[in-house]
Amino acid sequence: MANPKRKTSKSKRDMRRNNWFKKMKASEVTSCRNCGATKISHSVCPDCGFYNGRKIVAGSADSQ
């Protein structure tokens, strides 16, 4: 079985991960089911604080 001759540096590892993340980021943006604002998938809405139909945190609209 083939083995690498040298350890992959942190810089090279992070560059590889960063390029993959850039490609995936555009498809992760969705709209919130509660308020309709754009948000990243699988995360709490920054505007209303809802996730999966439940209130998780106080959003920016609640604090004003």
PDB file of N, CA and C in Angstrom:
ATOM      1  N   MET A   1       0.838  -1.180   0.000  1.00  0.00           N
ATOM      2  CA  MET A   1       0.000   0.000   0.000  1.00  0.00           C
ATOM      3  C   MET A   1       0.886   1.249   0.000  1.00  0.00           C
ATOM      4  N   ALA A   2       0.525   2.230  -0.788  1.00  0.00           N
ATOM      5  CA  ALA A   2       1.335   3.433  -0.919  1.00  0.00           C
ATOM      6  C   ALA A   2       1.176   4.328   0.310  1.00  0.00           C
ATOM      7  N   ASN A   3       2.291   4.886   0.758  1.00  0.00           N
ATOM      8  CA  ASN A   3       2.299   5.804   1.885  1.00  0.00           C
ATOM      9  C   ASN A   3       2.965   7.105   1.460  1.00  0.00           C
ATOM     10  N   PRO A   4       2.518   8.230   2.038  1.00  0.00           N
ATOM     11  CA  PRO A   4       3.169   9.492   1.698  1.00  0.00           C
ATOM     12  C   PRO A   4       4.586   9.558   2.252  1.00  0.00           C
ATOM     13  N   LYS A   5       5.487  10.182   1.496  1.00  0.00           N
ATOM     14  CA  LYS A   5       6.880  10.305   1.958  1.00  0.00           C
ATOM     15  C   LYS A   5       7.017  11.364   3.048  1.00  0.00           C
ATOM     16  N   ARG A   6       6.205  12.413   2.963  1.00  0.00           N
ATOM     17  CA  ARG A   6       6.298  13.500   3.927  1.00  0.00           C
ATOM     18  C   ARG A   6       4.915  13.809   4.499  1.00  0.00           C
ATOM     19  N   LYS A   7       4.932  14.377   5.692  1.00  0.00           N
ATOM     20  CA  LYS A   7       3.691  14.825   6.321  1.00  0.00           C
ATOM     21  C   LYS A   7       3.151  16.028   5.545  1.00  0.00           C
ATOM     22  N   THR A   8       1.850  16.063   5.316  1.00  0.00           N
ATOM     23  CA  THR A   8       1.234  17.214   4.661  1.00  0.00           C
ATOM     24  C   THR A   8       1.229  18.382   5.637  1.00  0.00           C
ATOM     25  N   SER A   9       1.769  19.510   5.213  1.00  0.00           N
ATOM     26  CA  SER A   9       1.867  20.667   6.097  1.00  0.00           C
ATOM     27  C   SER A   9       0.482  21.250   6.379  1.00  0.00           C
ATOM     28  N   LYS A  10       0.389  22.006   7.442  1.00  0.00           N
ATOM     29  CA  LYS A  10      -0.877  22.643   7.810  1.00  0.00           C
ATOM     30  C   LYS A  10      -1.338  23.600   6.726  1.00  0.00           C
ATOM     31  N   SER A  11      -0.381  24.270   6.104  1.00  0.00           N
ATOM     32  CA  SER A  11      -0.704  25.216   5.042  1.00  0.00           C
ATOM     33  C   SER A  11      -1.339  24.512   3.842  1.00  0.00           C
ATOM     34  N   LYS A  12      -0.707  23.428   3.386  1.00  0.00           N
ATOM     35  CA  LYS A  12      -1.248  22.689   2.245  1.00  0.00           C
ATOM     36  C   LYS A  12      -2.600  22.065   2.577  1.00  0.00           C
ATOM     37  N   ARG A  13      -2.721  21.515   3.772  1.00  0.00           N
ATOM     38  CA  ARG A  13      -3.983  20.916   4.207  1.00  0.00           C
ATOM     39  C   ARG A  13      -5.096  21.958   4.217  1.00  0.00           C
ATOM     40  N   ASP A  14      -4.819  23.129   4.783  1.00  0.00           N
ATOM     41  CA  ASP A  14      -5.826  24.172   4.878  1.00  0.00           C
ATOM     42  C   ASP A  14      -6.187  24.759   3.515  1.00  0.00           C
ATOM     43  N   MET A  15      -5.201  24.847   2.606  1.00  0.00           N
ATOM     44  CA  MET A  15      -5.494  25.322   1.253  1.00  0.00           C
ATOM     45  C   MET A  15      -6.444  24.370   0.542  1.00  0.00           C
ATOM     46  N   ARG A  16      -6.230  23.083   0.718  1.00  0.00           N
ATOM     47  CA  ARG A  16      -7.105  22.090   0.099  1.00  0.00           C
ATOM     48  C   ARG A  16      -8.521  22.189   0.674  1.00  0.00           C
ATOM     49  N   ARG A  17      -8.638  22.312   1.967  1.00  0.00           N
ATOM     50  CA  ARG A  17      -9.951  22.415   2.610  1.00  0.00           C
ATOM     51  C   ARG A  17     -10.661  23.702   2.228  1.00  0.00           C
ATOM     52  N   ASN A  18      -9.929  24.788   2.104  1.00  0.00           N
ATOM     53  CA  ASN A  18     -10.511  26.073   1.763  1.00  0.00           C
ATOM     54  C   ASN A  18     -11.106  26.055   0.356  1.00  0.00           C
ATOM     55  N   ASN A  19     -10.420  25.457  -0.600  1.00  0.00           N
ATOM     56  CA  ASN A  19     -10.940  25.390  -1.959  1.00  0.00           C
ATOM     57  C   ASN A  19     -12.212  24.573  -2.028  1.00  0.00           C
ATOM     58  N   TRP A  20     -12.278  23.490  -1.261  1.00  0.00           N
ATOM     59  CA  TRP A  20     -13.490  22.679  -1.234  1.00  0.00           C
ATOM     60  C   TRP A  20     -14.639  23.468  -0.627  1.00  0.00           C
ATOM     61  N   PHE A  21     -14.367  24.219   0.431  1.00  0.00           N
ATOM     62  CA  PHE A  21     -15.410  24.980   1.106  1.00  0.00           C
ATOM     63  C   PHE A  21     -15.956  26.089   0.226  1.00  0.00           C
ATOM     64  N   LYS A  22     -15.096  26.724  -0.571  1.00  0.00           N
ATOM     65  CA  LYS A  22     -15.554  27.779  -1.471  1.00  0.00           C
ATOM     66  C   LYS A  22     -16.564  27.249  -2.476  1.00  0.00           C
ATOM     67  N   LYS A  23     -16.332  26.047  -2.985  1.00  0.00           N
ATOM     68  CA  LYS A  23     -17.250  25.456  -3.956  1.00  0.00           C
ATOM     69  C   LYS A  23     -18.594  25.134  -3.326  1.00  0.00           C
ATOM     70  N   MET A  24     -18.603  24.680  -2.089  1.00  0.00           N
ATOM     71  CA  MET A  24     -19.830  24.253  -1.433  1.00  0.00           C
ATOM     72  C   MET A  24     -20.644  25.403  -0.861  1.00  0.00           C
ATOM     73  N   LYS A  25     -20.021  26.528  -0.610  1.00  0.00           N
ATOM     74  CA  LYS A  25     -20.684  27.615   0.095  1.00  0.00           C
ATOM     75  C   LYS A  25     -21.903  28.174  -0.638  1.00  0.00           C
ATOM     76  N   ALA A  26     -21.874  28.257  -1.947  1.00  0.00           N
ATOM     77  CA  ALA A  26     -22.980  28.856  -2.693  1.00  0.00           C
ATOM     78  C   ALA A  26     -24.261  28.041  -2.557  1.00  0.00           C
ATOM     79  N   SER A  27     -24.155  26.733  -2.461  1.00  0.00           N
ATOM     80  CA  SER A  27     -25.345  25.905  -2.382  1.00  0.00           C
ATOM     81  C   SER A  27     -25.905  25.834  -0.966  1.00  0.00           C
ATOM     82  N   GLU A  28     -25.165  26.325   0.029  1.00  0.00           N
ATOM     83  CA  GLU A  28     -25.619  26.233   1.405  1.00  0.00           C
ATOM     84  C   GLU A  28     -26.535  27.382   1.821  1.00  0.00           C
ATOM     85  N   VAL A  29     -26.694  28.392   0.988  1.00  0.00           N
ATOM     86  CA  VAL A  29     -27.518  29.538   1.342  1.00  0.00           C
ATOM     87  C   VAL A  29     -28.973  29.219   1.019  1.00  0.00           C
ATOM     88  N   THR A  30     -29.848  29.344   2.027  1.00  0.00           N
ATOM     89  CA  THR A  30     -31.273  29.091   1.861  1.00  0.00           C
ATOM     90  C   THR A  30     -32.050  30.241   2.486  1.00  0.00           C
ATOM     91  N   SER A  31     -33.360  30.163   2.428  1.00  0.00           N
ATOM     92  CA  SER A  31     -34.184  31.170   3.075  1.00  0.00           C
ATOM     93  C   SER A  31     -34.810  30.585   4.336  1.00  0.00           C
ATOM     94  N   CYS A  32     -34.988  31.426   5.327  1.00  0.00           N
ATOM     95  CA  CYS A  32     -35.561  31.018   6.607  1.00  0.00           C
ATOM     96  C   CYS A  32     -37.047  30.736   6.411  1.00  0.00           C
ATOM     97  N   ARG A  33     -37.518  29.640   6.995  1.00  0.00           N
ATOM     98  CA  ARG A  33     -38.934  29.291   6.878  1.00  0.00           C
ATOM     99  C   ARG A  33     -39.808  30.211   7.724  1.00  0.00           C
ATOM    100  N   ASN A  34     -39.249  30.810   8.755  1.00  0.00           N
ATOM    101  CA  ASN A  34     -40.033  31.640   9.661  1.00  0.00           C
ATOM    102  C   ASN A  34     -40.156  33.079   9.160  1.00  0.00           C
ATOM    103  N   CYS A  35     -39.021  33.714   8.808  1.00  0.00           N
ATOM    104  CA  CYS A  35     -39.058  35.133   8.434  1.00  0.00           C
ATOM    105  C   CYS A  35     -38.725  35.395   6.969  1.00  0.00           C
ATOM    106  N   GLY A  36     -38.149  34.406   6.258  1.00  0.00           N
ATOM    107  CA  GLY A  36     -37.836  34.572   4.851  1.00  0.00           C
ATOM    108  C   GLY A  36     -36.471  35.175   4.564  1.00  0.00           C
ATOM    109  N   ALA A  37     -35.703  35.471   5.592  1.00  0.00           N
ATOM    110  CA  ALA A  37     -34.369  36.042   5.390  1.00  0.00           C
ATOM    111  C   ALA A  37     -33.412  34.961   4.890  1.00  0.00           C
ATOM    112  N   THR A  38     -32.356  35.373   4.190  1.00  0.00           N
ATOM    113  CA  THR A  38     -31.366  34.397   3.730  1.00  0.00           C
ATOM    114  C   THR A  38     -30.487  33.995   4.898  1.00  0.00           C
ATOM    115  N   LYS A  39     -30.167  32.690   4.956  1.00  0.00           N
ATOM    116  CA  LYS A  39     -29.333  32.166   6.029  1.00  0.00           C
ATOM    117  C   LYS A  39     -28.561  30.974   5.510  1.00  0.00           C
ATOM    118  N   ILE A  40     -27.542  30.548   6.244  1.00  0.00           N
ATOM    119  CA  ILE A  40     -26.772  29.368   5.890  1.00  0.00           C
ATOM    120  C   ILE A  40     -27.545  28.144   6.358  1.00  0.00           C
ATOM    121  N   SER A  41     -27.583  27.095   5.543  1.00  0.00           N
ATOM    122  CA  SER A  41     -28.308  25.877   5.885  1.00  0.00           C
ATOM    123  C   SER A  41     -27.786  25.263   7.176  1.00  0.00           C
ATOM    124  N   HIS A  42     -28.671  24.610   7.902  1.00  0.00           N
ATOM    125  CA  HIS A  42     -28.341  23.905   9.145  1.00  0.00           C
ATOM    126  C   HIS A  42     -27.761  24.838  10.199  1.00  0.00           C
ATOM    127  N   SER A  43     -28.245  26.071  10.241  1.00  0.00           N
ATOM    128  CA  SER A  43     -27.802  27.010  11.259  1.00  0.00           C
ATOM    129  C   SER A  43     -28.981  27.879  11.681  1.00  0.00           C
ATOM    130  N   VAL A  44     -28.857  28.516  12.817  1.00  0.00           N
ATOM    131  CA  VAL A  44     -29.897  29.384  13.344  1.00  0.00           C
ATOM    132  C   VAL A  44     -29.992  30.638  12.488  1.00  0.00           C
ATOM    133  N   CYS A  45     -31.197  31.104  12.236  1.00  0.00           N
ATOM    134  CA  CYS A  45     -31.399  32.325  11.460  1.00  0.00           C
ATOM    135  C   CYS A  45     -30.886  33.523  12.266  1.00  0.00           C
ATOM    136  N   PRO A  46     -30.005  34.344  11.693  1.00  0.00           N
ATOM    137  CA  PRO A  46     -29.486  35.489  12.445  1.00  0.00           C
ATOM    138  C   PRO A  46     -30.528  36.580  12.673  1.00  0.00           C
ATOM    139  N   ASP A  47     -31.596  36.609  11.872  1.00  0.00           N
ATOM    140  CA  ASP A  47     -32.606  37.659  12.023  1.00  0.00           C
ATOM    141  C   ASP A  47     -33.640  37.331  13.096  1.00  0.00           C
ATOM    142  N   CYS A  48     -34.230  36.125  13.027  1.00  0.00           N
ATOM    143  CA  CYS A  48     -35.313  35.806  13.955  1.00  0.00           C
ATOM    144  C   CYS A  48     -34.907  34.831  15.057  1.00  0.00           C
ATOM    145  N   GLY A  49     -33.788  34.113  14.900  1.00  0.00           N
ATOM    146  CA  GLY A  49     -33.331  33.200  15.935  1.00  0.00           C
ATOM    147  C   GLY A  49     -34.010  31.846  15.921  1.00  0.00           C
ATOM    148  N   PHE A  50     -34.724  31.507  14.838  1.00  0.00           N
ATOM    149  CA  PHE A  50     -35.407  30.221  14.748  1.00  0.00           C
ATOM    150  C   PHE A  50     -34.542  29.200  14.026  1.00  0.00           C
ATOM    151  N   TYR A  51     -34.671  27.929  14.433  1.00  0.00           N
ATOM    152  CA  TYR A  51     -34.037  26.814  13.734  1.00  0.00           C
ATOM    153  C   TYR A  51     -35.002  25.649  13.766  1.00  0.00           C
ATOM    154  N   ASN A  52     -35.351  25.135  12.598  1.00  0.00           N
ATOM    155  CA  ASN A  52     -36.233  23.975  12.463  1.00  0.00           C
ATOM    156  C   ASN A  52     -37.583  24.213  13.141  1.00  0.00           C
ATOM    157  N   GLY A  53     -38.102  25.431  13.026  1.00  0.00           N
ATOM    158  CA  GLY A  53     -39.418  25.756  13.564  1.00  0.00           C
ATOM    159  C   GLY A  53     -39.453  26.068  15.044  1.00  0.00           C
ATOM    160  N   ARG A  54     -38.312  26.111  15.714  1.00  0.00           N
ATOM    161  CA  ARG A  54     -38.260  26.397  17.143  1.00  0.00           C
ATOM    162  C   ARG A  54     -37.398  27.616  17.430  1.00  0.00           C
ATOM    163  N   LYS A  55     -37.778  28.381  18.454  1.00  0.00           N
ATOM    164  CA  LYS A  55     -37.003  29.551  18.873  1.00  0.00           C
ATOM    165  C   LYS A  55     -35.781  29.067  19.645  1.00  0.00           C
ATOM    166  N   ILE A  56     -34.587  29.386  19.135  1.00  0.00           N
ATOM    167  CA  ILE A  56     -33.350  28.933  19.764  1.00  0.00           C
ATOM    168  C   ILE A  56     -32.682  30.075  20.533  1.00  0.00           C
ATOM    169  N   VAL A  57     -32.473  31.204  19.874  1.00  0.00           N
ATOM    170  CA  VAL A  57     -31.835  32.358  20.503  1.00  0.00           C
ATOM    171  C   VAL A  57     -32.619  33.610  20.172  1.00  0.00           C
ATOM    172  N   ALA A  58     -32.373  34.658  20.926  1.00  0.00           N
ATOM    173  CA  ALA A  58     -32.999  35.936  20.633  1.00  0.00           C
ATOM    174  C   ALA A  58     -32.338  36.529  19.402  1.00  0.00           C
ATOM    175  N   GLY A  59     -33.106  36.784  18.347  1.00  0.00           N
ATOM    176  CA  GLY A  59     -32.565  37.342  17.112  1.00  0.00           C
ATOM    177  C   GLY A  59     -32.394  38.838  17.217  1.00  0.00           C
ATOM    178  N   SER A  60     -31.869  39.450  16.156  1.00  0.00           N
ATOM    179  CA  SER A  60     -31.642  40.889  16.161  1.00  0.00           C
ATOM    180  C   SER A  60     -32.948  41.668  16.175  1.00  0.00           C
ATOM    181  N   ALA A  61     -34.039  41.084  15.652  1.00  0.00           N
ATOM    182  CA  ALA A  61     -35.322  41.766  15.647  1.00  0.00           C
ATOM    183  C   ALA A  61     -35.908  41.853  17.062  1.00  0.00           C
ATOM    184  N   ASP A  62     -35.605  40.852  17.922  1.00  0.00           N
ATOM    185  CA  ASP A  62     -36.117  40.852  19.293  1.00  0.00           C
ATOM    186  C   ASP A  62     -35.414  41.867  20.173  1.00  0.00           C
ATOM    187  N   SER A  63     -34.130  42.115  19.910  1.00  0.00           N
ATOM    188  CA  SER A  63     -33.365  43.007  20.780  1.00  0.00           C
ATOM    189  C   SER A  63     -33.618  44.478  20.495  1.00  0.00           C
ATOM    190  N   GLN A  64     -34.277  44.820  19.420  1.00  0.00           N
ATOM    191  CA  GLN A  64     -34.515  46.229  19.081  1.00  0.00           C
ATOM    192  C   GLN A  64     -35.806  46.717  19.668  1.00  0.00           C
TER     193      GLN A  64
END
